[in-house]
C-alpha atoms as a PDB file:
ATOM      1  CA  MET A   1      45.418 -78.129 -48.542  1.00  0.00           C
ATOM      2  CA  LYS A   2      43.345 -75.716 -46.455  1.00  0.00           C
ATOM      3  CA  GLN A   3      44.978 -72.878 -44.562  1.00  0.00           C
ATOM      4  CA  PHE A   4      43.628 -71.546 -41.318  1.00  0.00           C
ATOM      5  CA  TYR A   5      43.962 -67.911 -40.358  1.00  0.00           C
ATOM      6  CA  PHE A   6      43.744 -66.525 -36.855  1.00  0.00           C
ATOM      7  CA  LYS A   7      43.009 -62.891 -36.051  1.00  0.00           C
ATOM      8  CA  ILE A   8      44.353 -61.586 -32.799  1.00  0.00           C
ATOM      9  CA  ASN A   9      43.022 -58.284 -31.588  1.00  0.00           C
ATOM     10  CA  LEU A  10      45.812 -56.756 -29.589  1.00  0.00           C
ATOM     11  CA  ASN A  11      43.713 -53.692 -28.766  1.00  0.00           C
ATOM     12  CA  LYS A  12      41.054 -55.688 -26.873  1.00  0.00           C
ATOM     13  CA  TYR A  13      42.700 -54.953 -23.546  1.00  0.00           C
ATOM     14  CA  GLY A  14      42.955 -51.249 -24.403  1.00  0.00           C
ATOM     15  CA  GLU A  15      39.270 -51.052 -25.370  1.00  0.00           C
ATOM     16  CA  LEU A  16      38.246 -52.811 -22.168  1.00  0.00           C
ATOM     17  CA  ARG A  17      40.376 -50.466 -20.151  1.00  0.00           C
ATOM     18  CA  ARG A  18      38.864 -47.408 -21.891  1.00  0.00           C
ATOM     19  CA  LYS A  19      35.347 -48.729 -21.247  1.00  0.00           C
ATOM     20  CA  ILE A  20      36.137 -49.266 -17.561  1.00  0.00           C
ATOM     21  CA  GLN A  21      37.574 -45.752 -17.293  1.00  0.00           C
ATOM     22  CA  LYS A  22      34.521 -44.313 -19.080  1.00  0.00           C
ATOM     23  CA  ASP A  23      32.189 -46.169 -16.711  1.00  0.00           C
ATOM     24  CA  LYS A  24      34.193 -44.880 -13.733  1.00  0.00           C
ATOM     25  CA  ILE A  25      33.958 -41.285 -15.032  1.00  0.00           C
ATOM     26  CA  THR A  26      30.186 -41.676 -15.643  1.00  0.00           C
ATOM     27  CA  PHE A  27      29.715 -43.125 -12.145  1.00  0.00           C
ATOM     28  CA  ARG A  28      31.862 -40.374 -10.606  1.00  0.00           C
ATOM     29  CA  ASN A  29      29.908 -37.664 -12.450  1.00  0.00           C
ATOM     30  CA  THR A  30      26.586 -39.196 -11.401  1.00  0.00           C
ATOM     31  CA  VAL A  31      27.681 -39.360  -7.769  1.00  0.00           C
ATOM     32  CA  LEU A  32      29.017 -35.785  -7.978  1.00  0.00           C
ATOM     33  CA  VAL A  33      25.728 -34.447  -9.446  1.00  0.00           C
ATOM     34  CA  PHE A  34      23.765 -36.353  -6.800  1.00  0.00           C
ATOM     35  CA  VAL A  35      25.950 -34.978  -3.964  1.00  0.00           C
ATOM     36  CA  ILE A  36      25.768 -31.396  -5.302  1.00  0.00           C
ATOM     37  CA  GLY A  37      21.985 -31.714  -5.777  1.00  0.00           C
ATOM     38  CA  THR A  38      21.616 -33.058  -2.234  1.00  0.00           C
ATOM     39  CA  ILE A  39      23.704 -30.185  -0.817  1.00  0.00           C
ATOM     40  CA  ILE A  40      21.664 -27.579  -2.720  1.00  0.00           C
ATOM     41  CA  LEU A  41      18.418 -29.174  -1.547  1.00  0.00           C
ATOM     42  CA  TYR A  42      19.685 -29.301   2.047  1.00  0.00           C
ATOM     43  CA  VAL A  43      20.714 -25.615   1.942  1.00  0.00           C
ATOM     44  CA  PHE A  44      17.291 -24.700   0.516  1.00  0.00           C
ATOM     45  CA  VAL A  45      15.528 -26.678   3.266  1.00  0.00           C
ATOM     46  CA  LEU A  46      17.669 -24.931   5.919  1.00  0.00           C
ATOM     47  CA  TYR A  47      16.841 -21.503   4.427  1.00  0.00           C
ATOM     48  CA  LEU A  48      13.139 -22.339   4.263  1.00  0.00           C
ATOM     49  CA  ASN A  49      13.194 -23.603   7.844  1.00  0.00           C
ATOM     50  CA  SER A  50      14.934 -20.423   9.032  1.00  0.00           C
ATOM     51  CA  PHE A  51      12.460 -18.233   7.122  1.00  0.00           C
ATOM     52  CA  LEU A  52       9.460 -20.087   8.555  1.00  0.00           C
ATOM     53  CA  ASP A  53      10.946 -19.895  12.065  1.00  0.00           C
ATOM     54  CA  LYS A  54      11.238 -16.115  11.742  1.00  0.00           C
ATOM     55  CA  ARG A  55       7.633 -15.848  10.550  1.00  0.00           C
ATOM     56  CA  ILE A  56       6.410 -18.064  13.380  1.00  0.00           C
ATOM     57  CA  ASN A  57       8.326 -15.960  15.922  1.00  0.00           C
ATOM     58  CA  THR A  58       6.881 -12.747  14.446  1.00  0.00           C
ATOM     59  CA  ARG A  59       3.349 -14.162  14.566  1.00  0.00           C
ATOM     60  CA  THR A  60       3.883 -15.395  18.125  1.00  0.00           C
ATOM     61  CA  GLU A  61       5.040 -11.934  19.225  1.00  0.00           C
ATOM     62  CA  LEU A  62       2.066 -10.329  17.472  1.00  0.00           C
ATOM     63  CA  LEU A  63      -0.295 -12.801  19.122  1.00  0.00           C
ATOM     64  CA  SER A  64       1.132 -12.070  22.569  1.00  0.00           C
ATOM     65  CA  GLN A  65       0.795  -8.309  21.939  1.00  0.00           C
ATOM     66  CA  ILE A  66      -2.829  -8.767  20.885  1.00  0.00           C
ATOM     67  CA  ARG A  67      -3.527 -10.873  23.974  1.00  0.00           C
ATOM     68  CA  GLN A  68      -1.986  -8.206  26.202  1.00  0.00           C
ATOM     69  CA  GLU A  69      -4.068  -5.537  24.492  1.00  0.00           C
ATOM     70  CA  ILE A  70      -7.226  -7.622  24.887  1.00  0.00           C
ATOM     71  CA  GLN A  71      -6.449  -8.090  28.587  1.00  0.00           C
ATOM     72  CA  SER A  72      -6.038  -4.327  28.987  1.00  0.00           C
ATOM     73  CA  TYR A  73      -9.505  -3.831  27.436  1.00  0.00           C
ATOM     74  CA  GLN A  74     -11.206  -6.597  29.354  1.00  0.00           C
ATOM     75  CA  VAL A  75     -13.470  -5.515  32.176  1.00  0.00           C
ATOM     76  CA  SER A  76     -13.724  -7.220  35.511  1.00  0.00           C
ATOM     77  CA  GLY A  77     -17.106  -8.802  36.224  1.00  0.00           C
ATOM     78  CA  ASP A  78     -17.311  -7.047  39.615  1.00  0.00           C
ATOM     79  CA  TYR A  79     -16.829  -3.402  38.641  1.00  0.00           C
ATOM     80  CA  LEU A  80     -16.116  -0.977  35.823  1.00  0.00           C
ATOM     81  CA  SER A  81     -13.001   1.127  36.124  1.00  0.00           C
ATOM     82  CA  SER A  82     -13.034   4.861  35.424  1.00  0.00           C
ATOM     83  CA  LYS A  83     -11.077   4.235  32.204  1.00  0.00           C
ATOM     84  CA  ASP A  84     -13.763   1.788  31.062  1.00  0.00           C
ATOM     85  CA  LEU A  85     -16.487   4.348  31.765  1.00  0.00           C
ATOM     86  CA  GLN A  86     -14.557   7.052  29.897  1.00  0.00           C
ATOM     87  CA  ARG A  87     -14.119   4.737  26.899  1.00  0.00           C
ATOM     88  CA  LEU A  88     -17.814   3.883  26.945  1.00  0.00           C
ATOM     89  CA  ALA A  89     -18.816   7.559  27.196  1.00  0.00           C
ATOM     90  CA  LYS A  90     -16.483   8.487  24.343  1.00  0.00           C
ATOM     91  CA  ILE A  91     -17.885   5.749  22.106  1.00  0.00           C
ATOM     92  CA  SER A  92     -21.506   6.653  22.823  1.00  0.00           C
ATOM     93  CA  THR A  93     -21.045  10.418  22.429  1.00  0.00           C
ATOM     94  CA  GLU A  94     -18.552  10.617  19.546  1.00  0.00           C
ATOM     95  CA  ARG A  95     -20.047   8.113  17.144  1.00  0.00           C
ATOM     96  CA  ILE A  96     -22.038   9.301  14.174  1.00  0.00           C
ATOM     97  CA  PHE A  97     -24.842   7.174  12.750  1.00  0.00           C
ATOM     98  CA  TRP A  98     -24.009   7.580   9.072  1.00  0.00           C
ATOM     99  CA  ALA A  99     -26.902   5.534   7.741  1.00  0.00           C
ATOM    100  CA  ARG A 100     -29.416   7.881   9.378  1.00  0.00           C
ATOM    101  CA  LYS A 101     -27.462  10.927   8.177  1.00  0.00           C
ATOM    102  CA  LEU A 102     -27.445   9.698   4.573  1.00  0.00           C
ATOM    103  CA  VAL A 103     -31.173   8.930   4.653  1.00  0.00           C
ATOM    104  CA  ALA A 104     -31.877  12.403   6.074  1.00  0.00           C
ATOM    105  CA  LEU A 105     -29.599  13.961   3.434  1.00  0.00           C
ATOM    106  CA  SER A 106     -31.423  12.151   0.620  1.00  0.00           C
ATOM    107  CA  GLU A 107     -34.769  13.348   2.007  1.00  0.00           C
ATOM    108  CA  GLN A 108     -33.605  16.982   1.928  1.00  0.00           C
ATOM    109  CA  THR A 109     -32.155  16.775  -1.581  1.00  0.00           C
ATOM    110  CA  THR A 110     -34.698  17.945  -4.146  1.00  0.00           C
ATOM    111  CA  ASP A 111     -34.814  17.061  -7.831  1.00  0.00           C
ATOM    112  CA  LYS A 112     -33.268  20.460  -8.640  1.00  0.00           C
ATOM    113  CA  ILE A 113     -30.058  19.689  -6.711  1.00  0.00           C
ATOM    114  CA  ALA A 114     -27.655  16.804  -7.274  1.00  0.00           C
ATOM    115  CA  ILE A 115     -24.993  15.813  -4.726  1.00  0.00           C
ATOM    116  CA  THR A 116     -22.076  14.588  -6.865  1.00  0.00           C
ATOM    117  CA  HIS A 117     -19.875  13.388  -4.003  1.00  0.00           C
ATOM    118  CA  PHE A 118     -19.045  14.028  -0.356  1.00  0.00           C
ATOM    119  CA  SER A 119     -16.159  13.580   2.064  1.00  0.00           C
ATOM    120  CA  PHE A 120     -15.648  13.557   5.831  1.00  0.00           C
ATOM    121  CA  LYS A 121     -12.309  14.823   7.110  1.00  0.00           C
ATOM    122  CA  ASN A 122     -11.244  16.647  10.302  1.00  0.00           C
ATOM    123  CA  ASN A 123     -14.828  16.660  11.640  1.00  0.00           C
ATOM    124  CA  VAL A 124     -16.130  18.365   8.474  1.00  0.00           C
ATOM    125  CA  LEU A 125     -18.652  16.739   6.146  1.00  0.00           C
ATOM    126  CA  SER A 126     -18.204  18.404   2.746  1.00  0.00           C
ATOM    127  CA  LEU A 127     -21.065  18.081   0.258  1.00  0.00           C
ATOM    128  CA  PHE A 128     -20.228  18.753  -3.390  1.00  0.00           C
ATOM    129  CA  GLY A 129     -23.127  19.275  -5.763  1.00  0.00           C
ATOM    130  CA  ILE A 130     -24.555  20.940  -8.824  1.00  0.00           C
ATOM    131  CA  THR A 131     -27.777  22.726  -9.672  1.00  0.00           C
ATOM    132  CA  LYS A 132     -29.132  24.015 -12.971  1.00  0.00           C
ATOM    133  CA  LEU A 133     -29.333  27.789 -13.200  1.00  0.00           C
ATOM    134  CA  ASP A 134     -32.860  29.000 -13.830  1.00  0.00           C
ATOM    135  CA  LYS A 135     -33.578  32.493 -15.177  1.00  0.00           C
ATOM    136  CA  ASP A 136     -36.763  32.757 -13.110  1.00  0.00           C
ATOM    137  CA  GLU A 137     -34.956  31.979  -9.860  1.00  0.00           C
ATOM    138  CA  LYS A 138     -32.041  33.641  -8.105  1.00  0.00           C
ATOM    139  CA  GLU A 139     -28.996  31.421  -8.260  1.00  0.00           C
ATOM    140  CA  PHE A 140     -28.423  31.138  -4.501  1.00  0.00           C
ATOM    141  CA  ASP A 141     -32.069  30.815  -3.370  1.00  0.00           C
ATOM    142  CA  LEU A 142     -32.110  27.085  -4.049  1.00  0.00           C
ATOM    143  CA  ILE A 143     -28.828  26.507  -2.176  1.00  0.00           C
ATOM    144  CA  ASP A 144     -29.974  28.708   0.746  1.00  0.00           C
ATOM    145  CA  ASP A 145     -33.205  26.705   0.984  1.00  0.00           C
ATOM    146  CA  PHE A 146     -31.210  23.468   0.899  1.00  0.00           C
ATOM    147  CA  ILE A 147     -28.948  24.677   3.746  1.00  0.00           C
ATOM    148  CA  ALA A 148     -32.002  25.804   5.758  1.00  0.00           C
ATOM    149  CA  ASN A 149     -33.591  22.361   5.298  1.00  0.00           C
ATOM    150  CA  LEU A 150     -30.372  20.656   6.445  1.00  0.00           C
ATOM    151  CA  LYS A 151     -30.263  22.866   9.546  1.00  0.00           C
ATOM    152  CA  ALA A 152     -33.930  22.137  10.273  1.00  0.00           C
ATOM    153  CA  ASN A 153     -33.417  18.375  10.028  1.00  0.00           C
ATOM    154  CA  GLU A 154     -32.684  17.010  13.500  1.00  0.00           C
ATOM    155  CA  GLN A 155     -30.771  13.962  12.230  1.00  0.00           C
ATOM    156  CA  ILE A 156     -28.217  16.211  10.526  1.00  0.00           C
ATOM    157  CA  SER A 157     -28.096  19.271  12.775  1.00  0.00           C
ATOM    158  CA  ILE A 158     -27.573  17.291  16.007  1.00  0.00           C
ATOM    159  CA  ASP A 159     -24.051  16.311  14.902  1.00  0.00           C
ATOM    160  CA  PHE A 160     -23.475  19.114  12.382  1.00  0.00           C
ATOM    161  CA  PRO A 161     -24.838  22.352  13.870  1.00  0.00           C
ATOM    162  CA  ASP A 162     -22.726  24.631  11.664  1.00  0.00           C
ATOM    163  CA  ILE A 163     -23.715  24.300   7.981  1.00  0.00           C
ATOM    164  CA  LYS A 164     -22.522  26.855   5.447  1.00  0.00           C
ATOM    165  CA  LEU A 165     -21.800  27.439   1.774  1.00  0.00           C
ATOM    166  CA  VAL A 166     -18.039  27.402   1.233  1.00  0.00           C
ATOM    167  CA  ARG A 167     -17.708  28.104  -2.477  1.00  0.00           C
ATOM    168  CA  SER A 168     -19.575  28.080  -5.760  1.00  0.00           C
ATOM    169  CA  ARG A 169     -18.831  28.694  -9.419  1.00  0.00           C
ATOM    170  CA  ARG A 170     -20.708  28.849 -12.686  1.00  0.00           C
ATOM    171  CA  ASP A 171     -19.966  26.145 -15.238  1.00  0.00           C
ATOM    172  CA  PHE A 172     -21.350  24.582 -18.405  1.00  0.00           C
ATOM    173  CA  GLU A 173     -22.309  20.916 -18.641  1.00  0.00           C
ATOM    174  CA  LYS A 174     -23.465  19.781 -22.120  1.00  0.00           C
ATOM    175  CA  GLU A 175     -24.315  23.393 -23.059  1.00  0.00           C
ATOM    176  CA  VAL A 176     -26.429  23.851 -19.905  1.00  0.00           C
ATOM    177  CA  GLU A 177     -25.400  26.523 -17.424  1.00  0.00           C
ATOM    178  CA  ILE A 178     -24.980  25.039 -13.951  1.00  0.00           C
ATOM    179  CA  LEU A 179     -23.732  26.125 -10.553  1.00  0.00           C
ATOM    180  CA  ARG A 180     -21.178  23.925  -8.796  1.00  0.00           C
ATOM    181  CA  PHE A 181     -21.100  24.339  -5.026  1.00  0.00           C
ATOM    182  CA  GLN A 182     -19.545  23.035  -1.813  1.00  0.00           C
ATOM    183  CA  ILE A 183     -21.402  23.016   1.498  1.00  0.00           C
ATOM    184  CA  ASP A 184     -19.508  22.209   4.700  1.00  0.00           C
ATOM    185  CA  CYS A 185     -21.289  20.650   7.669  1.00  0.00           C
ATOM    186  CA  ILE A 186     -19.007  21.093  10.687  1.00  0.00           C
ATOM    187  CA  ALA A 187     -19.318  18.439  13.378  1.00  0.00           C
ATOM    188  CA  ILE A 188     -19.769  19.372  17.009  1.00  0.00           C
ATOM    189  CA  GLU A 189     -16.617  18.858  19.068  1.00  0.00           C
ATOM    190  CA  PHE A 190     -16.520  16.171  21.757  1.00  0.00           C
ATOM    191  CA  LYS A 191     -16.036  18.755  24.524  1.00  0.00           C
ATOM    192  CA  ASP A 192     -19.075  20.672  23.337  1.00  0.00           C
ATOM    193  CA  LYS A 193     -21.095  17.463  23.354  1.00  0.00           C
ATOM    194  CA  GLU A 194     -20.108  16.838  26.978  1.00  0.00           C
ATOM    195  CA  GLU A 195     -21.330  20.315  27.882  1.00  0.00           C
ATOM    196  CA  LEU A 196     -24.692  19.582  26.234  1.00  0.00           C
ATOM    197  CA  LEU A 197     -25.164  16.320  28.187  1.00  0.00           C
END
């Protein structure tokens, strides 16, 4: 005689309930992460929008200032105001044609003198250079001749009438005795230029 056995799993309901609760927790966590992510993204978009608005407002203000400045410089087609004429006179009399000055300077520089660098500050063009000391020649003759040539050159002397040696010192460069020097070319003042015109 055959016997039949039946297995009854009494925990089936408990497992199903645990699975449902686990799915609910997973769903809740997913929704929570999505909501938090959306809030963070929304806050970032608001911040970015505010930042871009500020930049646009700043650029708009700058643009309006530039337009106002351009309008103040614009000239009427019928007449030139006295301010416009003064601006034009100042531009034409105060400007220095540097390309011509540098060409003239290179023409006056001999192979015995080297200009190492130069600067222009407070209406003074300072030339820094070196020359090799020669026993057969007095040390300042070459520099004096160079200054005389600069003064004689119209391209340089018209804007820099006062040219003088400021300082010099003996030095050694690769066992060769040299003389380092600074020559200042002082620019003519705007008022003096007006008197010359």
